[in-house]
C-alpha atoms as a PDB file:
ATOM      1  CA  MET A   1    -122.188  70.262 211.198  1.00  0.00           C
ATOM      2  CA  LYS A   2    -119.205  73.304 211.321  1.00  0.00           C
ATOM      3  CA  ALA A   3    -119.264  71.764 215.791  1.00  0.00           C
ATOM      4  CA  LEU A   4    -118.794  68.696 215.001  1.00  0.00           C
ATOM      5  CA  GLU A   5    -115.931  69.613 212.156  1.00  0.00           C
ATOM      6  CA  ASP A   6    -114.135  70.732 214.147  1.00  0.00           C
ATOM      7  CA  LEU A   7    -114.502  67.614 217.007  1.00  0.00           C
ATOM      8  CA  GLY A   8    -112.856  66.053 213.822  1.00  0.00           C
ATOM      9  CA  PHE A   9    -115.861  64.210 212.412  1.00  0.00           C
ATOM     10  CA  PHE A  10    -116.303  63.428 208.878  1.00  0.00           C
ATOM     11  CA  CYS A  11    -118.913  65.390 208.062  1.00  0.00           C
ATOM     12  CA  VAL A  12    -121.763  65.257 204.550  1.00  0.00           C
ATOM     13  CA  ASP A  13    -124.823  67.401 204.292  1.00  0.00           C
ATOM     14  CA  ASN A  14    -127.744  66.353 202.334  1.00  0.00           C
ATOM     15  CA  MET A  15    -126.184  63.022 200.943  1.00  0.00           C
ATOM     16  CA  PRO A  16    -129.056  60.560 199.898  1.00  0.00           C
ATOM     17  CA  VAL A  17    -130.208  58.008 202.683  1.00  0.00           C
ATOM     18  CA  ALA A  18    -129.863  55.038 200.582  1.00  0.00           C
ATOM     19  CA  LEU A  19    -126.221  55.567 199.979  1.00  0.00           C
ATOM     20  CA  LEU A  20    -125.578  55.785 203.425  1.00  0.00           C
ATOM     21  CA  PRO A  21    -124.209  52.053 203.843  1.00  0.00           C
ATOM     22  CA  LYS A  22    -122.521  51.684 201.068  1.00  0.00           C
ATOM     23  CA  PHE A  23    -120.173  54.903 202.007  1.00  0.00           C
ATOM     24  CA  MET A  24    -119.666  53.019 205.659  1.00  0.00           C
ATOM     25  CA  GLU A  25    -118.362  50.769 203.626  1.00  0.00           C
ATOM     26  CA  LEU A  26    -116.215  52.752 202.265  1.00  0.00           C
ATOM     27  CA  LEU A  27    -114.893  54.468 205.365  1.00  0.00           C
ATOM     28  CA  ALA A  28    -114.656  50.788 207.180  1.00  0.00           C
ATOM     29  CA  GLN A  29    -111.923  50.336 204.307  1.00  0.00           C
ATOM     30  CA  SER A  30    -109.645  53.463 204.703  1.00  0.00           C
ATOM     31  CA  GLY A  31    -109.265  52.881 207.717  1.00  0.00           C
ATOM     32  CA  GLU A  32    -108.647  56.647 208.469  1.00  0.00           C
ATOM     33  CA  ILE A  33    -111.559  58.004 209.233  1.00  0.00           C
ATOM     34  CA  THR A  34    -113.056  56.720 212.964  1.00  0.00           C
ATOM     35  CA  LYS A  35    -115.619  59.544 213.229  1.00  0.00           C
ATOM     36  CA  VAL A  36    -118.790  60.772 210.633  1.00  0.00           C
ATOM     37  CA  ALA A  37    -121.557  63.364 211.142  1.00  0.00           C
ATOM     38  CA  SER A  38    -124.225  63.205 208.112  1.00  0.00           C
ATOM     39  CA  VAL A  39    -127.607  65.220 207.604  1.00  0.00           C
ATOM     40  CA  VAL A  40    -130.345  63.968 207.349  1.00  0.00           C
ATOM     41  CA  ASP A  41    -133.513  66.932 206.943  1.00  0.00           C
ATOM     42  CA  VAL A  42    -136.194  67.135 203.986  1.00  0.00           C
ATOM     43  CA  ARG A  43    -134.004  67.846 201.682  1.00  0.00           C
ATOM     44  CA  GLU A  44    -133.999  64.206 200.444  1.00  0.00           C
ATOM     45  CA  ARG A  45    -137.619  63.955 199.805  1.00  0.00           C
ATOM     46  CA  GLU A  46    -138.271  60.703 198.166  1.00  0.00           C
ATOM     47  CA  PHE A  47    -135.276  58.700 200.043  1.00  0.00           C
ATOM     48  CA  LEU A  48    -136.467  59.502 202.959  1.00  0.00           C
ATOM     49  CA  LYS A  49    -138.799  55.802 202.811  1.00  0.00           C
ATOM     50  CA  ALA A  50    -135.844  54.432 202.578  1.00  0.00           C
ATOM     51  CA  PHE A  51    -134.530  55.657 205.910  1.00  0.00           C
ATOM     52  CA  THR A  52    -136.274  53.526 208.503  1.00  0.00           C
ATOM     53  CA  PRO A  53    -135.004  50.189 206.356  1.00  0.00           C
ATOM     54  CA  THR A  54    -131.097  52.066 206.025  1.00  0.00           C
ATOM     55  CA  PHE A  55    -130.892  52.726 209.635  1.00  0.00           C
ATOM     56  CA  SER A  56    -131.767  49.290 211.152  1.00  0.00           C
ATOM     57  CA  LYS A  57    -129.005  48.437 208.934  1.00  0.00           C
ATOM     58  CA  LEU A  58    -126.840  50.817 209.699  1.00  0.00           C
ATOM     59  CA  LYS A  59    -127.070  49.791 213.139  1.00  0.00           C
ATOM     60  CA  GLU A  60    -126.710  45.619 212.123  1.00  0.00           C
ATOM     61  CA  SER A  61    -123.064  46.390 211.062  1.00  0.00           C
ATOM     62  CA  GLY A  62    -121.712  46.709 214.249  1.00  0.00           C
ATOM     63  CA  SER A  63    -121.061  50.550 214.044  1.00  0.00           C
ATOM     64  CA  LYS A  64    -121.311  52.987 217.102  1.00  0.00           C
ATOM     65  CA  ILE A  65    -125.043  54.851 215.569  1.00  0.00           C
ATOM     66  CA  GLU A  66    -126.506  57.801 217.292  1.00  0.00           C
ATOM     67  CA  LEU A  67    -129.257  59.804 215.815  1.00  0.00           C
ATOM     68  CA  ILE A  68    -129.894  63.375 216.908  1.00  0.00           C
ATOM     69  CA  TYR A  69    -132.718  64.705 216.127  1.00  0.00           C
ATOM     70  CA  LEU A  70    -132.638  68.681 215.991  1.00  0.00           C
ATOM     71  CA  GLU A  71    -136.748  70.729 216.118  1.00  0.00           C
ATOM     72  CA  ALA A  72    -137.524  73.912 217.618  1.00  0.00           C
ATOM     73  CA  SER A  73    -141.477  76.023 218.297  1.00  0.00           C
ATOM     74  CA  ASP A  74    -143.682  76.722 214.676  1.00  0.00           C
ATOM     75  CA  ASP A  75    -143.222  79.791 216.148  1.00  0.00           C
ATOM     76  CA  SER A  76    -139.609  80.266 216.231  1.00  0.00           C
ATOM     77  CA  LEU A  77    -139.246  78.775 213.171  1.00  0.00           C
ATOM     78  CA  VAL A  78    -141.396  81.383 211.447  1.00  0.00           C
ATOM     79  CA  ARG A  79    -138.782  84.065 213.135  1.00  0.00           C
ATOM     80  CA  ARG A  80    -136.094  81.906 211.466  1.00  0.00           C
ATOM     81  CA  PHE A  81    -137.459  81.738 208.149  1.00  0.00           C
ATOM     82  CA  SER A  82    -138.536  85.782 208.232  1.00  0.00           C
ATOM     83  CA  GLU A  83    -135.223  86.600 209.651  1.00  0.00           C
ATOM     84  CA  THR A  84    -133.050  85.279 206.607  1.00  0.00           C
ATOM     85  CA  ARG A  85    -135.919  85.615 203.663  1.00  0.00           C
ATOM     86  CA  ARG A  86    -135.813  82.493 203.160  1.00  0.00           C
ATOM     87  CA  ARG A  87    -138.896  80.645 201.580  1.00  0.00           C
ATOM     88  CA  HIS A  88    -139.077  76.801 203.245  1.00  0.00           C
ATOM     89  CA  PRO A  89    -138.872  73.512 200.852  1.00  0.00           C
ATOM     90  CA  LEU A  90    -141.681  72.291 201.166  1.00  0.00           C
ATOM     91  CA  ALA A  91    -144.299  75.806 201.087  1.00  0.00           C
ATOM     92  CA  ALA A  92    -146.101  76.255 198.183  1.00  0.00           C
ATOM     93  CA  SER A  93    -146.295  80.332 199.135  1.00  0.00           C
ATOM     94  CA  ASP A  94    -144.246  82.725 200.497  1.00  0.00           C
ATOM     95  CA  SER A  95    -145.531  81.526 204.076  1.00  0.00           C
ATOM     96  CA  PRO A  96    -143.469  78.972 205.378  1.00  0.00           C
ATOM     97  CA  ILE A  97    -146.081  77.615 207.950  1.00  0.00           C
ATOM     98  CA  GLU A  98    -147.904  75.148 205.751  1.00  0.00           C
ATOM     99  CA  GLY A  99    -144.022  73.886 204.723  1.00  0.00           C
ATOM    100  CA  LEU A 100    -142.798  72.811 208.824  1.00  0.00           C
ATOM    101  CA  LEU A 101    -146.482  70.983 209.274  1.00  0.00           C
ATOM    102  CA  ARG A 102    -145.290  68.860 206.348  1.00  0.00           C
ATOM    103  CA  GLU A 103    -141.654  68.731 206.852  1.00  0.00           C
ATOM    104  CA  ARG A 104    -143.217  67.328 211.362  1.00  0.00           C
ATOM    105  CA  GLU A 105    -145.182  65.121 209.293  1.00  0.00           C
ATOM    106  CA  LEU A 106    -141.694  64.001 206.580  1.00  0.00           C
ATOM    107  CA  LEU A 107    -139.595  63.420 209.626  1.00  0.00           C
ATOM    108  CA  SER A 108    -141.911  61.425 211.937  1.00  0.00           C
ATOM    109  CA  GLU A 109    -140.422  57.932 211.459  1.00  0.00           C
ATOM    110  CA  VAL A 110    -136.249  59.909 211.476  1.00  0.00           C
ATOM    111  CA  LYS A 111    -137.599  61.767 215.268  1.00  0.00           C
ATOM    112  CA  ALA A 112    -138.929  57.863 216.463  1.00  0.00           C
ATOM    113  CA  HIS A 113    -135.014  56.665 215.866  1.00  0.00           C
ATOM    114  CA  ALA A 114    -133.609  59.401 217.544  1.00  0.00           C
ATOM    115  CA  ASP A 115    -130.676  59.050 220.820  1.00  0.00           C
ATOM    116  CA  LYS A 116    -131.439  62.589 221.679  1.00  0.00           C
ATOM    117  CA  VAL A 117    -134.270  64.999 220.763  1.00  0.00           C
ATOM    118  CA  ILE A 118    -132.834  68.778 221.604  1.00  0.00           C
ATOM    119  CA  ASP A 119    -135.533  71.503 221.122  1.00  0.00           C
ATOM    120  CA  THR A 120    -133.249  74.680 219.789  1.00  0.00           C
ATOM    121  CA  THR A 121    -136.650  76.669 220.823  1.00  0.00           C
ATOM    122  CA  HIS A 122    -133.606  78.952 222.823  1.00  0.00           C
ATOM    123  CA  PHE A 123    -130.826  78.520 221.469  1.00  0.00           C
ATOM    124  CA  THR A 124    -128.764  80.980 219.651  1.00  0.00           C
ATOM    125  CA  VAL A 125    -125.754  79.338 217.376  1.00  0.00           C
ATOM    126  CA  HIS A 126    -123.976  79.830 219.926  1.00  0.00           C
ATOM    127  CA  GLN A 127    -125.189  78.141 222.530  1.00  0.00           C
ATOM    128  CA  LEU A 128    -126.100  75.014 219.975  1.00  0.00           C
ATOM    129  CA  ARG A 129    -122.744  74.920 219.085  1.00  0.00           C
ATOM    130  CA  ASP A 130    -121.803  74.464 222.511  1.00  0.00           C
ATOM    131  CA  LEU A 131    -124.250  72.546 223.201  1.00  0.00           C
ATOM    132  CA  ILE A 132    -123.116  70.552 220.026  1.00  0.00           C
ATOM    133  CA  LYS A 133    -119.790  69.782 220.939  1.00  0.00           C
ATOM    134  CA  GLU A 134    -120.530  69.563 224.839  1.00  0.00           C
ATOM    135  CA  TYR A 135    -122.197  66.127 223.688  1.00  0.00           C
ATOM    136  CA  PHE A 136    -119.900  64.387 221.774  1.00  0.00           C
ATOM    137  CA  SER A 137    -115.953  66.013 223.380  1.00  0.00           C
ATOM    138  CA  GLY A 138    -115.298  63.026 224.000  1.00  0.00           C
ATOM    139  CA  PRO A 139    -114.010  60.222 221.906  1.00  0.00           C
ATOM    140  CA  VAL A 140    -116.650  57.539 220.852  1.00  0.00           C
ATOM    141  CA  THR A 141    -114.110  54.639 222.725  1.00  0.00           C
ATOM    142  CA  ASP A 142    -114.789  56.734 226.107  1.00  0.00           C
ATOM    143  CA  GLU A 143    -114.571  54.758 229.301  1.00  0.00           C
ATOM    144  CA  LYS A 144    -116.381  57.126 231.101  1.00  0.00           C
ATOM    145  CA  MET A 145    -119.835  58.292 231.206  1.00  0.00           C
ATOM    146  CA  THR A 146    -120.023  62.703 230.237  1.00  0.00           C
ATOM    147  CA  VAL A 147    -122.253  64.538 233.156  1.00  0.00           C
ATOM    148  CA  ASN A 148    -123.560  67.117 232.421  1.00  0.00           C
ATOM    149  CA  LEU A 149    -124.097  69.640 235.748  1.00  0.00           C
ATOM    150  CA  VAL A 150    -126.144  73.236 234.398  1.00  0.00           C
ATOM    151  CA  SER A 151    -127.458  75.333 237.041  1.00  0.00           C
ATOM    152  CA  PHE A 152    -130.269  77.377 236.025  1.00  0.00           C
ATOM    153  CA  GLY A 153    -132.973  79.544 237.094  1.00  0.00           C
ATOM    154  CA  TYR A 154    -136.723  78.633 237.070  1.00  0.00           C
ATOM    155  CA  ARG A 155    -137.845  82.597 235.972  1.00  0.00           C
ATOM    156  CA  TYR A 156    -135.585  82.064 232.691  1.00  0.00           C
ATOM    157  CA  GLY A 157    -136.752  78.012 231.787  1.00  0.00           C
ATOM    158  CA  VAL A 158    -135.898  74.447 232.361  1.00  0.00           C
ATOM    159  CA  PRO A 159    -132.842  73.421 230.115  1.00  0.00           C
ATOM    160  CA  SER A 160    -134.376  72.134 226.954  1.00  0.00           C
ATOM    161  CA  ASP A 161    -131.843  69.813 226.353  1.00  0.00           C
ATOM    162  CA  ALA A 162    -131.831  68.138 230.507  1.00  0.00           C
ATOM    163  CA  ASP A 163    -132.958  64.575 231.170  1.00  0.00           C
ATOM    164  CA  LEU A 164    -133.114  64.653 234.490  1.00  0.00           C
ATOM    165  CA  VAL A 165    -134.365  68.517 236.297  1.00  0.00           C
ATOM    166  CA  PHE A 166    -133.791  69.159 240.323  1.00  0.00           C
ATOM    167  CA  ASP A 167    -136.041  71.811 241.767  1.00  0.00           C
ATOM    168  CA  ILE A 168    -133.569  72.953 245.041  1.00  0.00           C
ATOM    169  CA  ARG A 169    -136.141  75.833 245.635  1.00  0.00           C
ATOM    170  CA  PHE A 170    -136.838  74.178 248.973  1.00  0.00           C
ATOM    171  CA  LEU A 171    -133.449  75.132 250.569  1.00  0.00           C
ATOM    172  CA  PRO A 172    -133.052  79.336 251.924  1.00  0.00           C
ATOM    173  CA  ASN A 173    -132.196  81.591 249.674  1.00  0.00           C
ATOM    174  CA  PRO A 174    -129.235  83.816 250.178  1.00  0.00           C
ATOM    175  CA  TYR A 175    -130.690  86.040 247.999  1.00  0.00           C
ATOM    176  CA  PHE A 176    -132.737  87.418 251.108  1.00  0.00           C
ATOM    177  CA  VAL A 177    -129.168  87.646 253.002  1.00  0.00           C
ATOM    178  CA  SER A 178    -128.279  91.297 252.259  1.00  0.00           C
ATOM    179  CA  SER A 179    -124.861  90.829 252.424  1.00  0.00           C
ATOM    180  CA  LEU A 180    -124.825  87.794 250.266  1.00  0.00           C
ATOM    181  CA  GLN A 181    -127.385  89.020 247.812  1.00  0.00           C
ATOM    182  CA  TRP A 182    -125.381  90.250 245.233  1.00  0.00           C
ATOM    183  CA  LEU A 183    -122.408  87.606 245.094  1.00  0.00           C
ATOM    184  CA  ASP A 184    -122.594  84.390 242.997  1.00  0.00           C
ATOM    185  CA  GLY A 185    -123.030  80.288 244.601  1.00  0.00           C
ATOM    186  CA  ARG A 186    -119.100  80.052 243.851  1.00  0.00           C
ATOM    187  CA  ASP A 187    -118.118  82.648 246.133  1.00  0.00           C
ATOM    188  CA  GLU A 188    -117.012  80.707 249.775  1.00  0.00           C
ATOM    189  CA  LYS A 189    -119.426  82.846 251.451  1.00  0.00           C
ATOM    190  CA  VAL A 190    -122.408  81.686 249.353  1.00  0.00           C
ATOM    191  CA  LYS A 191    -121.122  77.720 249.774  1.00  0.00           C
ATOM    192  CA  GLU A 192    -121.453  77.978 253.397  1.00  0.00           C
ATOM    193  CA  TYR A 193    -124.396  79.713 253.974  1.00  0.00           C
ATOM    194  CA  VAL A 194    -126.185  77.341 251.652  1.00  0.00           C
ATOM    195  CA  LEU A 195    -124.258  73.753 252.324  1.00  0.00           C
ATOM    196  CA  VAL A 196    -124.292  74.006 255.734  1.00  0.00           C
ATOM    197  CA  LYS A 197    -127.151  73.215 255.758  1.00  0.00           C
ATOM    198  CA  ASP A 198    -128.759  69.758 256.981  1.00  0.00           C
ATOM    199  CA  GLU A 199    -131.374  69.325 254.262  1.00  0.00           C
ATOM    200  CA  THR A 200    -128.618  70.745 251.648  1.00  0.00           C
ATOM    201  CA  LYS A 201    -126.352  67.680 252.875  1.00  0.00           C
ATOM    202  CA  GLU A 202    -129.516  65.292 252.917  1.00  0.00           C
ATOM    203  CA  PHE A 203    -130.206  66.462 249.100  1.00  0.00           C
ATOM    204  CA  LEU A 204    -126.376  65.625 248.322  1.00  0.00           C
ATOM    205  CA  ARG A 205    -126.277  62.227 249.960  1.00  0.00           C
ATOM    206  CA  ARG A 206    -129.102  61.053 248.535  1.00  0.00           C
ATOM    207  CA  PHE A 207    -128.385  62.403 245.103  1.00  0.00           C
ATOM    208  CA  LYS A 208    -125.200  60.852 244.980  1.00  0.00           C
ATOM    209  CA  ASP A 209    -126.651  57.630 245.894  1.00  0.00           C
ATOM    210  CA  PHE A 210    -129.466  57.810 242.895  1.00  0.00           C
ATOM    211  CA  MET A 211    -126.249  58.294 240.544  1.00  0.00           C
ATOM    212  CA  ASP A 212    -124.631  55.735 242.032  1.00  0.00           C
ATOM    213  CA  TYR A 213    -127.683  53.628 240.769  1.00  0.00           C
ATOM    214  CA  LEU A 214    -128.593  55.239 237.486  1.00  0.00           C
ATOM    215  CA  ILE A 215    -125.401  55.838 236.212  1.00  0.00           C
ATOM    216  CA  PRO A 216    -123.859  52.114 235.418  1.00  0.00           C
ATOM    217  CA  LEU A 217    -127.819  51.662 234.187  1.00  0.00           C
ATOM    218  CA  TYR A 218    -127.193  54.310 232.103  1.00  0.00           C
ATOM    219  CA  TRP A 219    -124.128  53.456 230.685  1.00  0.00           C
ATOM    220  CA  LYS A 220    -125.755  49.705 229.614  1.00  0.00           C
ATOM    221  CA  GLU A 221    -128.017  51.385 227.777  1.00  0.00           C
ATOM    222  CA  GLY A 222    -124.993  52.615 225.574  1.00  0.00           C
ATOM    223  CA  LYS A 223    -125.741  56.078 226.565  1.00  0.00           C
ATOM    224  CA  SER A 224    -122.879  58.181 226.913  1.00  0.00           C
ATOM    225  CA  TYR A 225    -123.666  60.836 228.551  1.00  0.00           C
ATOM    226  CA  LEU A 226    -126.536  63.043 231.152  1.00  0.00           C
ATOM    227  CA  THR A 227    -127.337  66.270 231.371  1.00  0.00           C
ATOM    228  CA  VAL A 228    -128.756  66.675 235.557  1.00  0.00           C
ATOM    229  CA  ALA A 229    -130.753  70.228 235.442  1.00  0.00           C
ATOM    230  CA  ILE A 230    -130.423  72.329 239.249  1.00  0.00           C
ATOM    231  CA  GLY A 231    -132.462  74.424 240.172  1.00  0.00           C
ATOM    232  CA  CYS A 232    -133.744  77.191 241.740  1.00  0.00           C
ATOM    233  CA  THR A 233    -135.342  80.735 241.253  1.00  0.00           C
ATOM    234  CA  GLY A 234    -132.954  82.829 239.680  1.00  0.00           C
ATOM    235  CA  GLY A 235    -129.675  80.686 238.879  1.00  0.00           C
ATOM    236  CA  ARG A 236    -127.293  82.718 240.543  1.00  0.00           C
ATOM    237  CA  HIS A 237    -127.270  80.820 243.982  1.00  0.00           C
ATOM    238  CA  ARG A 238    -128.612  77.722 245.583  1.00  0.00           C
ATOM    239  CA  SER A 239    -127.732  75.711 242.173  1.00  0.00           C
ATOM    240  CA  VAL A 240    -124.795  77.440 241.322  1.00  0.00           C
ATOM    241  CA  ALA A 241    -123.583  76.046 244.183  1.00  0.00           C
ATOM    242  CA  LEU A 242    -125.300  72.980 244.713  1.00  0.00           C
ATOM    243  CA  VAL A 243    -123.890  72.012 241.453  1.00  0.00           C
ATOM    244  CA  GLU A 244    -119.744  73.309 242.582  1.00  0.00           C
ATOM    245  CA  ALA A 245    -120.472  70.619 245.147  1.00  0.00           C
ATOM    246  CA  LEU A 246    -121.441  67.677 243.106  1.00  0.00           C
ATOM    247  CA  ALA A 247    -119.192  68.418 240.369  1.00  0.00           C
ATOM    248  CA  ASP A 248    -116.108  68.207 243.127  1.00  0.00           C
ATOM    249  CA  GLY A 249    -118.181  64.953 244.590  1.00  0.00           C
ATOM    250  CA  MET A 250    -118.827  62.832 241.258  1.00  0.00           C
ATOM    251  CA  VAL A 251    -115.691  62.163 239.298  1.00  0.00           C
ATOM    252  CA  SER A 252    -114.760  59.004 239.817  1.00  0.00           C
ATOM    253  CA  ASP A 253    -113.050  55.890 236.813  1.00  0.00           C
ATOM    254  CA  ILE A 254    -116.245  56.025 235.055  1.00  0.00           C
ATOM    255  CA  VAL A 255    -117.530  59.544 235.404  1.00  0.00           C
ATOM    256  CA  ALA A 256    -116.308  62.438 233.961  1.00  0.00           C
ATOM    257  CA  VAL A 257    -118.264  65.564 234.875  1.00  0.00           C
ATOM    258  CA  ARG A 258    -118.592  69.533 233.280  1.00  0.00           C
ATOM    259  CA  LYS A 259    -120.087  72.132 235.158  1.00  0.00           C
ATOM    260  CA  LYS A 260    -122.209  75.078 233.229  1.00  0.00           C
ATOM    261  CA  HIS A 261    -123.661  77.600 235.116  1.00  0.00           C
ATOM    262  CA  ARG A 262    -126.549  78.857 232.595  1.00  0.00           C
ATOM    263  CA  ASP A 263    -128.141  81.897 234.842  1.00  0.00           C
ATOM    264  CA  ILE A 264    -125.595  82.722 236.517  1.00  0.00           C
ATOM    265  CA  GLN A 265    -124.742  86.345 234.643  1.00  0.00           C
ATOM    266  CA  LYS A 266    -128.924  87.540 234.526  1.00  0.00           C
ATOM    267  CA  PRO A 267    -130.447  90.433 236.415  1.00  0.00           C
END
């Protein structure tokens, strides 16, 4: 919510679901507030029964509605409750696991309507903030689709928010070249080593054709952003070089590109 507030959203926490349509009507009459974020969670309990008809009504109102659902593994959530020393609101005892199971059951209908599900299991609060800002940093009426290009290392896991994942471990690895081992894919020497290969050139060509085909279809369905993860073994050489090359070649009248090298600083 704080990340969205920083982006100019008017934020409301824990408003009963049934009141949202009236709230949206009042905002529309004011004409001053154009971006609104509202949190829905298990604190609403009985109000959650009204979620589906209320959400459908909001969709039919003509407003641009997007539902982002945040979740995490049971182990991660149990650890978070332990660290904050707070009791789960649905748990009868001090153990949060029974509350978590009940929570997943109550929110299953909300999750079914989600436009995007984000697994925060391996995120720090700062990484989650950055991710939310990446998704919503452009105006709602932006005419361009935002493509987030993320390099990563399979050694550290696939990015949980990726819409598309490409494994480029078939390319020759600069790590095994002594003069390149301790450089990264932003270095011109590493770029030259990776990008000069015939298989790399063919991959870049096919990737561009694939994106040229997909992006208009995603845009037609109302998708405003796309996260594409490019992975190699450690996330330092090949994936970084490819993301750099792809970012330079994808910018157009309909695409805005952001790049992120998730694992470039890891050993």
